[in-house]
Amino acid sequence: MLTLTANAAQAIRDLTAGSSEPEDSGVRISSQGNGEGSLVLTIDRPHPTDEVVEAEGARVYLDPVAASVLEDKKLDAGADDKGGVAFRVADQST
């Protein structure tokens, strides 16, 4: 199952705190198109088939394809070169 670093959990809490979405909002990672392309990250509510990952008050919702692709990964976050949030996916062993 996808794990979150402390930095990712903080970034997700920061993103969802400023959201106009309801209380159960989180970051949703979903497959784009037929699932063979890229993954898309949005602030959203869970869908019925989503896998839910919670850590340190942050919630990530994964559609079935994203859950499969990210099963043995960790999500980390840091600042990009413009001062925004940049998420990175890495192997859990790194």
Protein backbone atom coordinates (compact mmCIF):
# COMPACT_ATOMS: atom_id res chain seq x y z
CA MET A 1 0.00 0.00 0.00
CA LEU A 2 1.17 3.54 -0.75
CA THR A 3 2.76 5.25 2.25
CA LEU A 4 3.13 8.97 2.93
CA THR A 5 6.18 10.73 4.27
CA ALA A 6 5.73 13.39 6.94
CA ASN A 7 6.42 16.05 4.29
CA ALA A 8 3.72 14.64 1.99
CA ALA A 9 1.20 14.46 4.84
CA GLN A 10 1.89 18.10 5.75
CA ALA A 11 1.60 19.25 2.13
CA ILE A 12 -1.72 17.42 1.71
CA ARG A 13 -3.09 18.91 4.96
CA ASP A 14 -2.04 22.36 3.74
CA LEU A 15 -3.69 21.85 0.34
CA THR A 16 -6.95 20.52 1.71
CA ALA A 17 -7.16 23.10 4.52
CA GLY A 18 -7.61 25.84 1.94
CA SER A 19 -10.07 23.84 -0.13
CA SER A 20 -13.75 24.60 -0.48
CA GLU A 21 -14.39 20.84 -0.55
CA PRO A 22 -16.18 19.17 2.38
CA GLU A 23 -14.50 17.90 5.53
CA ASP A 24 -13.67 14.47 4.05
CA SER A 25 -11.70 15.95 1.16
CA GLY A 26 -8.23 14.73 0.42
CA VAL A 27 -5.88 14.33 -2.47
CA ARG A 28 -7.17 11.91 -5.09
CA ILE A 29 -4.75 10.13 -7.38
CA SER A 30 -6.42 8.64 -10.41
CA SER A 31 -5.40 7.10 -13.70
CA GLN A 32 -5.84 9.17 -16.80
CA GLY A 33 -7.54 7.64 -19.82
CA ASN A 34 -7.04 3.91 -20.14
CA GLY A 35 -4.75 3.63 -17.12
CA GLU A 36 -1.57 3.32 -19.16
CA GLY A 37 -0.85 7.04 -19.17
CA SER A 38 -0.09 9.38 -16.34
CA LEU A 39 -1.63 9.71 -12.92
CA VAL A 40 -3.61 12.83 -12.03
CA LEU A 41 -3.64 14.44 -8.58
CA THR A 42 -6.66 16.54 -7.53
CA ILE A 43 -8.34 17.68 -4.34
CA ASP A 44 -11.51 15.63 -4.16
CA ARG A 45 -13.78 13.43 -2.10
CA PRO A 46 -13.48 9.64 -2.14
CA HIS A 47 -15.20 7.63 -4.84
CA PRO A 48 -16.87 4.32 -3.88
CA THR A 49 -14.10 2.17 -5.40
CA ASP A 50 -11.16 4.19 -4.05
CA GLU A 51 -8.53 2.81 -1.71
CA VAL A 52 -8.01 5.22 1.19
CA VAL A 53 -4.58 6.00 2.64
CA GLU A 54 -4.52 8.08 5.83
CA ALA A 55 -1.47 9.36 7.68
CA GLU A 56 -1.03 12.17 10.18
CA GLY A 57 -4.43 13.67 9.36
CA ALA A 58 -3.88 13.60 5.59
CA ARG A 59 -6.04 11.53 3.26
CA VAL A 60 -5.16 10.17 -0.18
CA TYR A 61 -7.76 8.47 -2.34
CA LEU A 62 -6.51 6.07 -5.01
CA ASP A 63 -8.59 4.75 -7.88
CA PRO A 64 -8.07 1.00 -8.50
CA VAL A 65 -5.45 1.53 -11.25
CA ALA A 66 -3.49 4.08 -9.22
CA ALA A 67 -3.66 1.82 -6.15
CA SER A 68 -2.15 -1.02 -8.17
CA VAL A 69 0.61 1.13 -9.70
CA LEU A 70 1.51 2.76 -6.36
CA GLU A 71 1.15 -0.34 -4.16
CA ASP A 72 4.84 -0.53 -3.17
CA LYS A 73 5.63 3.21 -3.37
CA LYS A 74 5.84 6.18 -1.04
CA LEU A 75 4.66 9.70 -1.70
CA ASP A 76 6.97 12.53 -0.68
CA ALA A 77 6.67 16.29 -1.10
CA GLY A 78 8.96 19.28 -1.25
CA ALA A 79 9.15 22.72 -2.78
CA ASP A 80 9.54 23.19 -6.51
CA ASP A 81 11.74 25.91 -8.03
CA LYS A 82 8.83 28.39 -7.91
CA GLY A 83 8.03 27.80 -4.25
CA GLY A 84 5.03 25.57 -4.93
CA VAL A 85 4.50 21.99 -3.82
CA ALA A 86 6.13 19.19 -5.78
CA PHE A 87 5.09 15.61 -5.07
CA ARG A 88 7.45 12.73 -5.81
CA VAL A 89 6.81 9.00 -5.91
CA ALA A 90 9.65 6.69 -4.88
CA ASP A 91 10.18 3.09 -3.90
CA GLN A 92 9.41 2.47 -0.24
CA SER A 93 12.96 1.17 0.31
CA THR A 94 14.57 4.52 -0.61
